Amino acid sequence: MTVRQRLVVLGATGSVGRSTLDVAARHPDKLEVWALSAHRDAAGLLTLCRQFRPEWAVLVEAAAAEQLRQALRTEGLPTRVESGSAALDFIAAAPQADQVMAAIAGSPGLASTLAALQAGKRVLIANKEPLVMAGALMMRAAAASGATVLPIDSEHNAIFQCLPAQARCGAPVPPGIRRVLLTASGGPFRETPLADLAAVTPEQAVRHPNWSMGRKISVDSATMMNKGLELIEAAVLYGLGEAQIEVVIHPESIIHSMVEYDDGSTLAQLGRPDMRTPIAHALAWPQRWESGVEGLDWRQLAQLRFQPADPLRFPALRLAREALRAGGAAPNVFNAANEVAVARFLDGRLAFTAIAGLVERVLEAAGSADLVTGDELEAVLAVDAWARGEAERRLAQDA
């Protein structure tokens, strides 16, 4: 009889979290939802607790946790509720947990993802920012504990599927690989006249043409900051040099990435733009489970288009490459400055085209700043705090 794997979903009420639980619900004989977390969405987590009856639920905000605790008590549900970042780390690293879906958006997911890696878990990484902020620390923790790292980003999951069977995240890239090609839809403004981009509103930026995603990642997709972060993530996960990673615009979002080999072969992973496919792949690996996603109808694939990314339209890609080549604290600075810029844009206080400009200015300032060196957690967080402060300071100067 197969023993069910106990699953922890960090960021359960977000789009990736809900897709994960959709897949898990299809395989109750294989997966037990043991713990769930959210930031402040007590109502959303209550609905999930009713459906999955987890042993633990964690909300970062104490008031939201108390609201959930009272609601569960009223309904007679047995889930235990805790709050705060320490509780997140606890469920991520608990001995009872087998698989951890790390889907907390942005830098807030760093500590709990690291806790899961240090505890030797099977970690499904959907939040690319921790790998950008602290890639060396994350991979070192995984190697020391024996944790298994499986990427959930559709692009990095596609690369994983196209690599040789013995390849593992965090290990040296297998010989014979020439380069990887990260595909990108180009977002909602792929063909918008450049002169019109400054007037883009948050409501327009979050309407992605192919994918259903949260607001922050939708903006990142529109600016291609998302692809810049993925470029850095690919280097961390697969031991690739910056020159071995190419970004190509593929508007249909059918090919999710490709791996080109020295013998001239190119392997590609194709599928509908639905996050349940990479999620199911990682949950089941090395097996294959049903995900709820239909296969492609080849009769309807009239064309698959590819084009280079316009550097004038997408300056984020140049900045990401510069950060990757610089190494050290630069990728961390790149991520932090972007998070500040996107938050300001979503609040209506920064122009769409000013997002990349702010990131560039903070990266330039970092080049002459006396930043804390090293890749330990304290140093990573210190650089993150400096970059956020520098971004806010420059925004204040512009006001």
Protein backbone atom coordinates (compact mmCIF):
# COMPACT_ATOMS: atom_id res chain seq x y z
CA MET A 1 0.00 0.00 0.00
CA THR A 2 1.40 3.40 -1.01
CA VAL A 3 2.16 5.75 1.89
CA ARG A 4 0.73 9.20 1.30
CA GLN A 5 3.18 12.09 1.14
CA ARG A 6 2.47 14.95 3.55
CA LEU A 7 2.32 18.25 1.69
CA VAL A 8 2.94 21.77 3.00
CA VAL A 9 1.77 24.66 0.81
CA LEU A 10 3.35 27.99 1.67
CA GLY A 11 1.28 30.71 0.02
CA ALA A 12 -1.80 28.52 -0.30
CA THR A 13 -4.28 31.26 -1.22
CA GLY A 14 -2.21 32.62 -4.13
CA SER A 15 -2.54 31.45 -7.71
CA VAL A 16 0.24 28.83 -7.49
CA GLY A 17 -0.97 27.65 -4.10
CA ARG A 18 -4.50 27.12 -5.36
CA SER A 19 -3.24 25.32 -8.47
CA THR A 20 -1.16 23.06 -6.23
CA LEU A 21 -4.18 22.20 -4.13
CA ASP A 22 -6.22 21.55 -7.26
CA VAL A 23 -3.66 18.91 -8.28
CA ALA A 24 -3.44 17.53 -4.74
CA ALA A 25 -7.22 17.11 -4.59
CA ARG A 26 -6.99 14.85 -7.64
CA HIS A 27 -4.65 12.45 -5.81
CA PRO A 28 -5.94 11.96 -2.25
CA ASP A 29 -4.44 8.47 -2.26
CA LYS A 30 -0.95 9.91 -2.82
CA LEU A 31 -0.97 13.28 -1.00
CA GLU A 32 -2.16 14.49 2.38
CA VAL A 33 -2.39 18.27 2.79
CA TRP A 34 -0.67 18.59 6.15
CA ALA A 35 -0.18 22.37 6.49
CA LEU A 36 -1.21 25.56 4.71
CA SER A 37 -0.13 29.17 5.00
CA ALA A 38 -1.20 32.63 3.84
CA HIS A 39 -0.24 36.20 4.65
CA ARG A 40 -3.52 37.72 5.85
CA ASP A 41 -6.30 36.00 3.85
CA ALA A 42 -8.13 34.36 6.74
CA ALA A 43 -11.32 33.85 4.71
CA GLY A 44 -9.46 32.17 1.87
CA LEU A 45 -7.54 29.91 4.24
CA LEU A 46 -10.78 29.00 6.08
CA THR A 47 -12.25 27.74 2.81
CA LEU A 48 -9.17 25.61 2.19
CA CYS A 49 -9.19 24.28 5.75
CA ARG A 50 -12.79 23.16 5.28
CA GLN A 51 -11.83 21.27 2.13
CA PHE A 52 -8.51 19.72 3.12
CA ARG A 53 -8.62 19.56 6.94
CA PRO A 54 -4.88 20.25 7.40
CA GLU A 55 -3.25 19.72 10.77
CA TRP A 56 -1.73 23.21 10.71
CA ALA A 57 -2.63 26.61 9.26
CA VAL A 58 -0.33 29.62 9.53
CA LEU A 59 -1.10 33.27 8.86
CA VAL A 60 1.69 35.79 9.04
CA GLU A 61 -0.53 38.48 10.55
CA ALA A 62 -1.62 37.75 14.11
CA ALA A 63 -5.04 39.40 13.79
CA ALA A 64 -5.87 37.30 10.73
CA ALA A 65 -4.71 34.17 12.56
CA GLU A 66 -7.04 34.92 15.45
CA GLN A 67 -9.91 35.45 13.02
CA LEU A 68 -9.23 32.05 11.45
CA ARG A 69 -8.81 30.41 14.85
CA GLN A 70 -12.22 31.59 16.00
CA ALA A 71 -13.90 30.57 12.74
CA LEU A 72 -12.43 27.07 12.92
CA ARG A 73 -13.46 26.74 16.55
CA THR A 74 -17.02 27.78 15.70
CA GLU A 75 -17.21 25.16 12.95
CA GLY A 76 -15.59 22.47 15.06
CA LEU A 77 -12.66 21.99 12.70
CA PRO A 78 -9.48 20.60 14.31
CA THR A 79 -6.81 22.56 12.39
CA ARG A 80 -4.27 24.25 14.69
CA VAL A 81 -3.56 27.90 13.85
CA GLU A 82 -0.34 29.83 14.45
CA SER A 83 0.98 33.19 13.27
CA GLY A 84 4.27 34.84 12.40
CA SER A 85 7.38 34.01 10.43
CA ALA A 86 8.65 31.50 13.00
CA ALA A 87 5.49 29.46 12.48
CA LEU A 88 6.12 29.47 8.73
CA ASP A 89 9.62 28.14 9.31
CA PHE A 90 8.20 25.47 11.64
CA ILE A 91 5.75 23.96 9.14
CA ALA A 92 8.35 24.20 6.35
CA ALA A 93 10.91 22.21 8.35
CA ALA A 94 8.66 19.97 10.47
CA PRO A 95 9.66 16.28 10.56
CA GLN A 96 6.15 15.31 9.46
CA ALA A 97 6.42 17.24 6.19
CA ASP A 98 7.57 15.39 3.06
CA GLN A 99 7.01 17.92 0.27
CA VAL A 100 6.99 21.70 0.59
CA MET A 101 5.54 23.97 -2.07
CA ALA A 102 7.36 27.30 -1.65
CA ALA A 103 4.92 29.74 -3.29
CA ILE A 104 5.15 32.87 -1.13
CA ALA A 105 5.64 35.70 -3.58
CA GLY A 106 8.76 37.86 -3.41
CA SER A 107 11.42 38.13 -0.74
CA PRO A 108 9.06 37.23 2.17
CA GLY A 109 9.41 33.62 1.02
CA LEU A 110 13.16 33.52 1.63
CA ALA A 111 13.36 32.31 5.24
CA SER A 112 10.74 29.55 5.02
CA THR A 113 12.15 28.22 1.75
CA LEU A 114 15.61 28.11 3.33
CA ALA A 115 14.18 26.34 6.40
CA ALA A 116 12.70 23.63 4.19
CA LEU A 117 15.98 23.17 2.33
CA GLN A 118 17.99 23.00 5.54
CA ALA A 119 15.60 20.33 6.82
CA GLY A 120 16.26 18.14 3.78
CA LYS A 121 12.76 18.34 2.33
CA ARG A 122 11.61 17.85 -1.22
CA VAL A 123 11.16 21.54 -2.04
CA LEU A 124 9.08 22.69 -4.98
CA ILE A 125 10.31 26.24 -5.60
CA ALA A 126 7.80 28.54 -7.23
CA ASN A 127 9.07 31.76 -5.63
CA LYS A 128 12.08 32.63 -7.76
CA GLU A 129 13.15 35.60 -5.62
CA PRO A 130 14.92 33.58 -2.88
CA LEU A 131 17.10 31.93 -5.52
CA VAL A 132 17.93 35.35 -6.97
CA MET A 133 18.61 36.87 -3.56
CA ALA A 134 20.59 34.01 -2.09
CA GLY A 135 21.21 31.35 -4.73
CA ALA A 136 24.54 30.16 -3.32
CA LEU A 137 23.10 29.90 0.19
CA MET A 138 20.05 27.98 -1.02
CA MET A 139 21.99 25.48 -3.11
CA ARG A 140 24.57 24.99 -0.37
CA ALA A 141 21.80 24.26 2.14
CA ALA A 142 20.21 21.74 -0.22
CA ALA A 143 23.51 19.97 -0.82
CA ALA A 144 24.31 19.79 2.90
CA SER A 145 20.93 18.38 3.93
CA GLY A 146 20.23 16.21 0.91
CA ALA A 147 17.13 18.22 0.00
CA THR A 148 15.62 17.72 -3.44
CA VAL A 149 15.00 20.95 -5.36
CA LEU A 150 12.35 20.90 -8.08
CA PRO A 151 11.52 24.09 -10.03
CA ILE A 152 7.91 25.15 -10.56
CA ASP A 153 8.38 28.16 -12.85
CA SER A 154 7.12 26.81 -16.17
CA GLU A 155 10.40 27.76 -17.86
CA HIS A 156 12.73 26.14 -15.34
CA ASN A 157 10.51 23.11 -15.01
CA ALA A 158 10.63 22.79 -18.82
CA ILE A 159 14.44 22.96 -18.73
CA PHE A 160 14.50 20.27 -16.04
CA GLN A 161 12.33 18.02 -18.21
CA CYS A 162 14.62 18.55 -21.22
CA LEU A 163 17.88 17.82 -19.37
CA PRO A 164 19.40 14.34 -19.12
CA ALA A 165 17.69 12.08 -16.58
CA GLN A 166 20.64 12.24 -14.18
CA ALA A 167 20.61 16.07 -14.00
CA ARG A 168 19.73 17.64 -10.65
CA CYS A 169 19.18 21.23 -9.59
CA GLY A 170 22.23 22.63 -7.85
CA ALA A 171 24.61 20.13 -9.47
CA PRO A 172 27.02 21.07 -12.28
CA VAL A 173 25.34 21.20 -15.65
CA PRO A 174 25.81 17.90 -17.50
CA PRO A 175 28.32 17.94 -20.38
CA GLY A 176 27.09 18.34 -23.93
CA ILE A 177 24.72 21.26 -23.29
CA ARG A 178 25.34 24.30 -25.47
CA ARG A 179 22.69 26.67 -24.11
CA VAL A 180 19.14 26.98 -22.81
CA LEU A 181 16.44 29.16 -24.33
CA LEU A 182 13.93 30.74 -21.95
CA THR A 183 10.71 31.54 -23.73
CA ALA A 184 8.60 34.59 -22.88
CA SER A 185 5.18 35.62 -24.09
CA GLY A 186 6.23 39.25 -24.28
CA GLY A 187 3.38 40.24 -21.97
CA PRO A 188 0.49 42.55 -22.79
CA PHE A 189 2.69 45.29 -24.31
CA ARG A 190 4.75 43.26 -26.76
CA GLU A 191 3.50 45.36 -29.66
CA THR A 192 2.47 48.58 -27.91
CA PRO A 193 4.17 51.64 -29.40
CA LEU A 194 7.14 52.59 -27.22
CA ALA A 195 5.82 56.14 -26.87
CA ASP A 196 2.65 54.79 -25.21
CA LEU A 197 4.33 52.69 -22.52
CA ALA A 198 4.75 55.56 -20.06
CA ALA A 199 0.96 55.86 -19.82
CA VAL A 200 0.38 52.17 -18.98
CA THR A 201 -1.85 51.76 -15.91
CA PRO A 202 -1.67 49.05 -13.24
CA GLU A 203 -5.00 47.66 -14.45
CA GLN A 204 -3.58 47.22 -17.94
CA ALA A 205 -0.30 45.74 -16.72
CA VAL A 206 -1.90 42.96 -14.66
CA ARG A 207 -3.95 41.64 -17.60
CA HIS A 208 -1.58 38.99 -18.90
CA PRO A 209 -2.67 37.58 -22.28
CA ASN A 210 -1.88 33.92 -21.54
CA TRP A 211 -1.31 33.23 -17.85
CA SER A 212 -3.40 33.72 -14.71
CA MET A 213 -1.00 35.18 -12.12
CA GLY A 214 -0.82 37.50 -9.12
CA ARG A 215 -0.51 41.27 -9.57
CA LYS A 216 3.20 41.57 -8.82
CA ILE A 217 4.32 38.78 -11.12
CA SER A 218 1.97 40.05 -13.84
CA VAL A 219 3.71 43.43 -13.75
CA ASP A 220 7.08 41.67 -13.81
CA SER A 221 5.96 39.79 -16.90
CA ALA A 222 4.89 43.03 -18.58
CA THR A 223 8.30 44.65 -17.94
CA MET A 224 10.20 41.37 -18.49
CA MET A 225 11.74 41.77 -15.04
CA ASN A 226 10.21 38.35 -14.52
CA LYS A 227 12.35 36.95 -17.33
CA GLY A 228 15.39 38.74 -15.92
CA LEU A 229 14.80 37.06 -12.56
CA GLU A 230 14.36 33.74 -14.37
CA LEU A 231 17.64 34.25 -16.22
CA ILE A 232 19.45 34.57 -12.88
CA GLU A 233 17.47 31.65 -11.47
CA ALA A 234 18.47 29.42 -14.38
CA ALA A 235 22.13 30.19 -13.75
CA VAL A 236 21.70 29.23 -10.07
CA LEU A 237 19.70 26.06 -10.64
CA TYR A 238 21.70 24.63 -13.50
CA GLY A 239 25.21 26.03 -13.12
CA LEU A 240 24.99 27.95 -16.39
CA GLY A 241 27.02 30.95 -17.43
CA GLU A 242 25.23 34.12 -18.49
CA ALA A 243 26.21 33.57 -22.13
CA GLN A 244 24.57 30.12 -22.11
CA ILE A 245 21.09 31.54 -21.46
CA GLU A 246 19.05 33.19 -24.19
CA VAL A 247 15.59 34.76 -23.92
CA VAL A 248 13.27 34.46 -26.90
CA ILE A 249 9.78 35.91 -27.36
CA HIS A 250 7.20 33.21 -28.05
CA PRO A 251 3.72 34.81 -28.00
CA GLU A 252 1.74 31.54 -27.98
CA SER A 253 3.27 30.30 -24.66
CA ILE A 254 3.14 26.71 -25.93
CA ILE A 255 6.87 25.94 -25.80
CA HIS A 256 7.91 26.69 -22.23
CA SER A 257 11.67 26.48 -22.77
CA MET A 258 14.29 24.60 -24.78
CA VAL A 259 17.69 23.02 -24.26
CA GLU A 260 20.19 23.01 -27.13
CA TYR A 261 22.89 20.32 -27.16
CA ASP A 262 26.36 20.27 -28.68
CA ASP A 263 25.29 17.75 -31.32
CA GLY A 264 22.78 20.24 -32.76
CA SER A 265 19.70 18.72 -31.12
CA THR A 266 17.20 20.97 -29.38
CA LEU A 267 14.72 19.51 -26.90
CA ALA A 268 11.60 21.49 -26.04
CA GLN A 269 8.80 21.01 -23.52
CA LEU A 270 5.35 21.92 -24.83
CA GLY A 271 2.03 22.28 -23.10
CA ARG A 272 -0.90 24.55 -22.43
CA PRO A 273 -0.14 27.67 -20.34
CA ASP A 274 -1.41 26.18 -17.08
CA MET A 275 0.68 26.03 -13.91
CA ARG A 276 -0.86 22.72 -12.92
CA THR A 277 1.38 20.98 -15.47
CA PRO A 278 4.74 21.87 -13.86
CA ILE A 279 3.19 21.50 -10.40
CA ALA A 280 1.99 17.97 -11.13
CA HIS A 281 5.35 17.10 -12.69
CA ALA A 282 7.21 18.17 -9.55
CA LEU A 283 4.77 16.58 -7.10
CA ALA A 284 4.98 13.25 -8.92
CA TRP A 285 8.62 13.27 -10.07
CA PRO A 286 10.05 10.94 -11.28
CA GLN A 287 6.57 9.59 -12.02
CA ARG A 288 3.78 11.33 -13.95
CA TRP A 289 0.35 12.15 -12.52
CA GLU A 290 -2.83 13.52 -14.06
CA SER A 291 -2.95 17.30 -13.57
CA GLY A 292 -6.36 18.33 -14.85
CA VAL A 293 -4.75 19.97 -17.89
CA GLU A 294 -5.79 18.85 -21.36
CA GLY A 295 -3.14 17.87 -23.85
CA LEU A 296 -2.41 20.02 -26.88
CA ASP A 297 -4.65 19.74 -29.91
CA TRP A 298 -2.09 19.61 -32.70
CA ARG A 299 -4.78 20.39 -35.28
CA GLN A 300 -5.20 23.86 -33.75
CA LEU A 301 -1.48 24.76 -33.61
CA ALA A 302 -1.46 26.88 -36.73
CA GLN A 303 1.90 28.48 -35.96
CA LEU A 304 4.55 28.87 -33.27
CA ARG A 305 6.27 32.24 -33.55
CA PHE A 306 9.65 33.30 -32.17
CA GLN A 307 11.44 36.64 -32.13
CA PRO A 308 14.27 38.26 -30.19
CA ALA A 309 13.44 40.45 -27.21
CA ASP A 310 13.61 44.17 -28.05
CA PRO A 311 16.23 45.75 -25.72
CA LEU A 312 14.54 49.16 -25.95
CA ARG A 313 11.15 47.76 -24.98
CA PHE A 314 12.54 45.44 -22.29
CA PRO A 315 15.59 47.06 -20.61
CA ALA A 316 15.07 44.72 -17.65
CA LEU A 317 16.84 41.93 -19.53
CA ARG A 318 20.00 44.01 -19.93
CA LEU A 319 19.92 44.90 -16.23
CA ALA A 320 19.49 41.26 -15.23
CA ARG A 321 22.46 40.21 -17.36
CA GLU A 322 24.58 42.97 -15.86
CA ALA A 323 23.59 41.86 -12.35
CA LEU A 324 24.37 38.22 -13.14
CA ARG A 325 27.77 39.09 -14.60
CA ALA A 326 28.59 41.31 -11.61
CA GLY A 327 27.64 38.56 -9.18
CA GLY A 328 27.96 39.03 -5.45
CA ALA A 329 25.18 41.22 -4.07
CA ALA A 330 24.03 42.54 -7.48
CA PRO A 331 21.22 40.00 -8.13
CA ASN A 332 19.89 40.63 -4.62
CA VAL A 333 19.93 44.39 -5.26
CA PHE A 334 18.23 43.87 -8.63
CA ASN A 335 15.38 41.96 -6.98
CA ALA A 336 14.88 44.32 -4.03
CA ALA A 337 14.84 47.48 -6.15
CA ASN A 338 12.33 45.89 -8.51
CA GLU A 339 10.01 44.91 -5.65
CA VAL A 340 9.99 48.50 -4.40
CA ALA A 341 9.43 49.85 -7.90
CA VAL A 342 6.56 47.47 -8.68
CA ALA A 343 4.84 48.27 -5.38
CA ARG A 344 5.05 51.98 -6.18
CA PHE A 345 3.70 51.38 -9.70
CA LEU A 346 0.77 49.32 -8.41
CA ASP A 347 -0.02 52.14 -5.98
CA GLY A 348 -0.14 54.54 -8.89
CA ARG A 349 2.91 56.50 -7.74
CA LEU A 350 5.45 55.45 -10.39
CA ALA A 351 5.25 55.31 -14.16
CA PHE A 352 5.48 51.93 -15.85
CA THR A 353 8.60 52.92 -17.77
CA ALA A 354 10.25 54.21 -14.58
CA ILE A 355 10.39 50.74 -13.02
CA ALA A 356 13.52 49.69 -14.92
CA GLY A 357 15.02 53.15 -14.48
CA LEU A 358 14.80 52.91 -10.70
CA VAL A 359 16.34 49.43 -10.70
CA GLU A 360 19.23 50.66 -12.84
CA ARG A 361 19.91 53.62 -10.54
CA VAL A 362 19.99 51.41 -7.45
CA LEU A 363 22.30 48.91 -9.17
CA GLU A 364 24.65 51.77 -10.08
CA ALA A 365 24.62 53.00 -6.48
CA ALA A 366 25.40 49.50 -5.24
CA GLY A 367 28.59 49.49 -7.28
CA SER A 368 30.11 52.18 -5.10
CA ALA A 369 28.39 51.33 -1.80
CA ASP A 370 30.11 49.63 1.13
CA LEU A 371 27.75 46.64 1.18
CA VAL A 372 27.95 43.68 3.50
CA THR A 373 29.68 40.84 1.69
CA GLY A 374 29.03 37.13 1.95
CA ASP A 375 26.11 34.84 1.23
CA GLU A 376 24.98 34.02 4.77
CA LEU A 377 21.39 34.87 5.58
CA GLU A 378 22.25 37.93 7.68
CA ALA A 379 24.35 39.41 4.85
CA VAL A 380 21.65 38.67 2.28
CA LEU A 381 19.01 40.41 4.38
CA ALA A 382 21.32 43.37 5.01
CA VAL A 383 21.84 43.90 1.28
CA ASP A 384 18.12 43.53 0.66
CA ALA A 385 17.37 46.18 3.29
CA TRP A 386 20.03 48.53 1.87
CA ALA A 387 18.64 48.22 -1.67
CA ARG A 388 15.08 48.88 -0.53
CA GLY A 389 16.21 51.90 1.44
CA GLU A 390 18.21 53.22 -1.49
CA ALA A 391 15.25 52.77 -3.82
CA GLU A 392 12.95 54.63 -1.42
CA ARG A 393 15.53 57.39 -0.98
CA ARG A 394 15.79 57.94 -4.71
CA LEU A 395 12.02 57.92 -5.09
CA ALA A 396 11.80 60.56 -2.36
CA GLN A 397 14.35 62.69 -4.23
CA ASP A 398 12.21 62.49 -7.36
CA ALA A 399 8.98 63.45 -5.60
